[in-house]
Amino acid sequence: MARSKKVLLILSFTLLLLLCCFPLVINKHYMLVSLLIMGVSFIPFMYRFSKQKLTSRELVMLAILGSIAAVSRVPFASLPSVQPTTFVIIAAALVLGPQSGFVIGVLAAIVSNLFLGQGPWTPWQMYAWGMIGLMAGLLRNTLFMKQMLGRCIYGFLIGFLFGWFMNLWFVVSMINQISWKEILLYYSASFYFDLAHAISNVVFLLLFSNAWIKIIKRFKTKYGLFE
């Protein structure tokens, strides 16, 4: 399990380099890159499959949680940056671990964009939400994430980091055509959207995280998943 985490971290860093170093290729072939990221996210599970049995129930669990995270975004589409997707990813990762959190985040982005529209931003969203799940999973056994206050702080910070990272796809794509002043203006213009995302994460975590974590734990224990 520890080795699969290292594999996932290496893959995450490699994907980040891909996103930042080849923006023009990604903008032109975003669907191909999106499918590539989705495939890469399953590599740790394929590695685990070579070492021990991966049950169909575990794959179904990931698919269901990824679908819930994706579909929950659609009703909130009219409210910019306000959606429970990030909350679902965090709650799932806290129970199922970093590998599952990364996969659920990746699935949530590409599936939700089937309804809301695919574009060059899709691979960046997949990576961003995947990393949110990965980091939440890595921190799940810490005192910080076991407390409601810690989860809310994480959700608030992630709301801003997600927005800043998503701004990066535009900056990297236009790096030869914009100045530092324009970059700062672009980031400052997204402040209220990032704030809305951060606050909504805190609200969803406060209201629902304890119940969701208990439900996912119950399914995990009942069916012996991700042991």
Protein backbone atom coordinates (compact mmCIF):
# COMPACT_ATOMS: atom_id res chain seq x y z
CA MET A 1 0.00 0.00 0.00
CA ALA A 2 2.84 2.42 0.85
CA ARG A 3 4.52 1.68 -2.49
CA SER A 4 1.30 2.39 -4.40
CA LYS A 5 1.11 5.78 -2.65
CA LYS A 6 4.63 6.57 -3.86
CA VAL A 7 3.63 5.51 -7.37
CA LEU A 8 0.60 7.81 -7.24
CA LEU A 9 2.68 10.77 -6.00
CA ILE A 10 5.19 10.26 -8.82
CA LEU A 11 2.38 10.03 -11.36
CA SER A 12 0.76 13.18 -9.93
CA PHE A 13 4.00 15.13 -10.29
CA THR A 14 4.45 13.81 -13.85
CA LEU A 15 0.91 14.90 -14.78
CA LEU A 16 1.56 18.37 -13.36
CA LEU A 17 4.66 18.70 -15.56
CA LEU A 18 2.59 17.56 -18.54
CA LEU A 19 -0.10 20.17 -17.87
CA CYS A 20 2.39 23.01 -17.42
CA CYS A 21 4.87 22.13 -20.17
CA PHE A 22 2.51 21.29 -23.03
CA PRO A 23 -0.45 23.72 -22.76
CA LEU A 24 -0.94 24.07 -26.52
CA VAL A 25 -1.11 20.30 -27.01
CA ILE A 26 -3.58 20.02 -24.12
CA ASN A 27 -5.79 22.83 -25.45
CA LYS A 28 -5.97 21.13 -28.84
CA HIS A 29 -6.38 17.54 -27.64
CA TYR A 30 -8.04 18.05 -24.27
CA MET A 31 -10.31 15.00 -24.49
CA LEU A 32 -7.39 12.70 -25.26
CA VAL A 33 -5.44 14.17 -22.33
CA SER A 34 -8.51 13.84 -20.08
CA LEU A 35 -8.80 10.14 -20.90
CA LEU A 36 -5.06 9.75 -20.35
CA ILE A 37 -5.30 11.29 -16.87
CA MET A 38 -8.28 9.07 -16.06
CA GLY A 39 -6.31 6.01 -17.15
CA VAL A 40 -3.23 7.06 -15.19
CA SER A 41 -5.32 7.54 -12.04
CA PHE A 42 -6.10 3.80 -12.09
CA ILE A 43 -2.44 2.72 -12.32
CA PRO A 44 -2.04 2.37 -8.51
CA PHE A 45 -5.08 0.10 -8.49
CA MET A 46 -3.65 -1.97 -11.34
CA TYR A 47 -0.42 -2.21 -9.37
CA ARG A 48 -2.39 -3.36 -6.34
CA PHE A 49 -4.29 -5.82 -8.52
CA SER A 50 -0.97 -7.44 -9.47
CA LYS A 51 -0.22 -7.94 -5.76
CA GLN A 52 -3.62 -8.81 -4.34
CA LYS A 53 -7.21 -9.25 -5.45
CA LEU A 54 -9.15 -6.10 -6.32
CA THR A 55 -12.86 -6.81 -5.97
CA SER A 56 -15.58 -5.65 -8.32
CA ARG A 57 -17.35 -4.13 -5.31
CA GLU A 58 -14.43 -1.76 -4.80
CA LEU A 59 -14.58 -0.61 -8.41
CA VAL A 60 -18.35 -0.16 -8.13
CA MET A 61 -17.86 1.87 -4.93
CA LEU A 62 -15.43 4.19 -6.71
CA ALA A 63 -17.76 4.55 -9.69
CA ILE A 64 -20.76 5.36 -7.48
CA LEU A 65 -18.92 7.95 -5.39
CA GLY A 66 -17.38 9.49 -8.51
CA SER A 67 -20.84 9.71 -10.08
CA ILE A 68 -22.36 11.26 -6.95
CA ALA A 69 -19.57 13.85 -6.83
CA ALA A 70 -20.14 14.63 -10.52
CA VAL A 71 -23.95 14.77 -10.53
CA SER A 72 -24.04 16.86 -7.34
CA ARG A 73 -22.28 19.61 -9.27
CA VAL A 74 -24.99 19.94 -11.91
CA PRO A 75 -27.87 21.40 -9.80
CA PHE A 76 -25.54 24.11 -8.51
CA ALA A 77 -24.31 25.12 -11.98
CA SER A 78 -26.19 28.43 -11.78
CA LEU A 79 -24.24 29.36 -8.64
CA PRO A 80 -20.64 30.04 -9.71
CA SER A 81 -18.10 27.98 -7.73
CA VAL A 82 -20.74 26.73 -5.28
CA GLN A 83 -21.04 22.93 -5.46
CA PRO A 84 -20.72 19.92 -3.13
CA THR A 85 -18.30 18.05 -5.40
CA THR A 86 -15.23 18.96 -3.37
CA PHE A 87 -16.96 17.94 -0.15
CA VAL A 88 -17.88 14.51 -1.54
CA ILE A 89 -14.30 13.93 -2.69
CA ILE A 90 -12.88 14.91 0.71
CA ALA A 91 -15.34 12.74 2.65
CA ALA A 92 -14.66 9.72 0.45
CA ALA A 93 -10.89 10.15 0.63
CA LEU A 94 -10.96 10.39 4.43
CA VAL A 95 -12.47 6.90 4.56
CA LEU A 96 -11.10 5.11 1.50
CA GLY A 97 -7.61 6.59 1.28
CA PRO A 98 -5.52 8.69 -1.14
CA GLN A 99 -5.66 6.35 -4.15
CA SER A 100 -9.47 6.23 -4.04
CA GLY A 101 -9.67 9.96 -3.39
CA PHE A 102 -7.60 10.69 -6.48
CA VAL A 103 -9.70 8.42 -8.70
CA ILE A 104 -12.99 9.86 -7.40
CA GLY A 105 -11.76 13.41 -8.01
CA VAL A 106 -10.68 12.57 -11.56
CA LEU A 107 -13.99 10.84 -12.35
CA ALA A 108 -16.02 13.70 -10.85
CA ALA A 109 -14.48 16.25 -13.19
CA ILE A 110 -14.74 14.38 -16.49
CA VAL A 111 -18.25 13.00 -15.79
CA SER A 112 -19.71 16.32 -14.60
CA ASN A 113 -18.33 18.05 -17.69
CA LEU A 114 -20.35 15.67 -19.85
CA PHE A 115 -23.31 17.76 -18.63
CA LEU A 116 -21.63 21.14 -18.18
CA GLY A 117 -19.29 21.11 -21.16
CA GLN A 118 -15.85 19.70 -21.92
CA GLY A 119 -12.93 21.95 -22.81
CA PRO A 120 -9.21 22.63 -22.28
CA TRP A 121 -10.00 23.17 -18.60
CA THR A 122 -11.17 19.56 -18.11
CA PRO A 123 -7.70 17.97 -17.61
CA TRP A 124 -6.84 20.71 -15.12
CA GLN A 125 -10.06 20.13 -13.18
CA MET A 126 -9.41 16.40 -13.17
CA TYR A 127 -5.93 16.92 -11.78
CA ALA A 128 -7.05 19.55 -9.23
CA TRP A 129 -9.92 17.50 -7.80
CA GLY A 130 -7.78 14.39 -7.93
CA MET A 131 -5.10 16.09 -5.84
CA ILE A 132 -7.72 17.32 -3.36
CA GLY A 133 -8.74 13.69 -2.81
CA LEU A 134 -5.12 12.53 -2.71
CA MET A 135 -4.08 15.06 -0.06
CA ALA A 136 -7.20 14.46 2.05
CA GLY A 137 -6.47 10.73 1.94
CA LEU A 138 -2.84 11.19 2.93
CA LEU A 139 -3.90 13.34 5.89
CA ARG A 140 -6.84 11.16 6.98
CA ASN A 141 -5.07 9.61 9.98
CA THR A 142 -3.84 12.93 11.36
CA LEU A 143 -5.50 14.62 14.34
CA PHE A 144 -6.05 17.65 12.11
CA MET A 145 -8.37 15.84 9.68
CA LYS A 146 -10.12 13.79 12.36
CA GLN A 147 -11.53 16.98 13.86
CA MET A 148 -14.33 18.99 12.28
CA LEU A 149 -12.33 22.23 12.60
CA GLY A 150 -9.40 20.69 10.72
CA ARG A 151 -11.63 19.43 7.92
CA CYS A 152 -13.26 22.85 7.59
CA ILE A 153 -9.87 24.60 7.46
CA TYR A 154 -8.74 22.14 4.79
CA GLY A 155 -11.93 22.70 2.80
CA PHE A 156 -11.57 26.48 3.03
CA LEU A 157 -7.93 26.49 1.91
CA ILE A 158 -8.61 24.00 -0.87
CA GLY A 159 -11.36 26.27 -2.20
CA PHE A 160 -8.78 28.98 -2.90
CA LEU A 161 -6.04 26.60 -4.06
CA PHE A 162 -8.43 24.96 -6.54
CA GLY A 163 -9.29 28.35 -8.03
CA TRP A 164 -5.67 29.48 -8.21
CA PHE A 165 -4.67 26.24 -9.89
CA MET A 166 -7.50 26.52 -12.42
CA ASN A 167 -6.36 30.07 -13.22
CA LEU A 168 -2.97 28.59 -14.03
CA TRP A 169 -4.24 26.80 -17.12
CA PHE A 170 -5.11 30.15 -18.71
CA VAL A 171 -1.85 31.78 -17.60
CA VAL A 172 0.29 28.94 -18.92
CA SER A 173 -1.59 28.94 -22.23
CA MET A 174 -1.06 32.70 -22.65
CA ILE A 175 2.33 33.02 -20.99
CA ASN A 176 3.97 34.72 -23.99
CA GLN A 177 1.15 37.22 -24.43
CA ILE A 178 0.41 38.56 -20.94
CA SER A 179 2.39 40.49 -18.33
CA TRP A 180 2.78 39.93 -14.59
CA LYS A 181 0.37 42.81 -13.97
CA GLU A 182 -2.30 41.15 -16.09
CA ILE A 183 -1.69 37.83 -14.30
CA LEU A 184 -2.22 39.51 -10.92
CA LEU A 185 -5.38 41.20 -12.19
CA TYR A 186 -6.65 37.88 -13.51
CA TYR A 187 -6.06 36.17 -10.16
CA SER A 188 -7.59 39.03 -8.17
CA ALA A 189 -10.69 38.95 -10.39
CA SER A 190 -11.35 35.35 -9.32
CA PHE A 191 -11.18 36.14 -5.59
CA TYR A 192 -14.94 36.18 -4.95
CA PHE A 193 -15.48 32.98 -6.95
CA ASP A 194 -12.72 31.27 -4.96
CA LEU A 195 -14.21 32.63 -1.74
CA ALA A 196 -17.62 31.21 -2.69
CA HIS A 197 -16.04 27.81 -3.30
CA ALA A 198 -14.15 27.95 0.01
CA ILE A 199 -17.21 28.96 2.04
CA SER A 200 -19.44 26.37 0.36
CA ASN A 201 -16.87 23.68 1.19
CA VAL A 202 -16.99 24.69 4.85
CA VAL A 203 -20.80 24.71 4.89
CA PHE A 204 -21.10 21.27 3.29
CA LEU A 205 -18.42 19.82 5.57
CA LEU A 206 -20.08 21.27 8.67
CA LEU A 207 -23.52 19.99 7.75
CA PHE A 208 -22.82 16.63 6.16
CA SER A 209 -19.25 15.36 6.63
CA ASN A 210 -19.87 13.38 9.83
CA ALA A 211 -22.90 11.62 8.35
CA TRP A 212 -21.17 10.89 5.03
CA ILE A 213 -18.04 9.55 6.70
CA LYS A 214 -20.16 7.21 8.86
CA ILE A 215 -22.12 5.94 5.85
CA ILE A 216 -19.02 5.29 3.74
CA LYS A 217 -17.30 3.59 6.70
CA ARG A 218 -20.35 1.38 7.17
CA PHE A 219 -20.22 0.21 3.54
CA LYS A 220 -16.46 -0.26 3.76
CA THR A 221 -16.74 -2.41 6.89
CA LYS A 222 -19.82 -4.36 5.79
CA TYR A 223 -18.34 -5.46 2.47
CA GLY A 224 -14.67 -5.54 3.54
CA LEU A 225 -13.60 -2.94 0.97
CA PHE A 226 -10.14 -1.41 0.53
CA GLU A 227 -8.58 -3.42 3.36
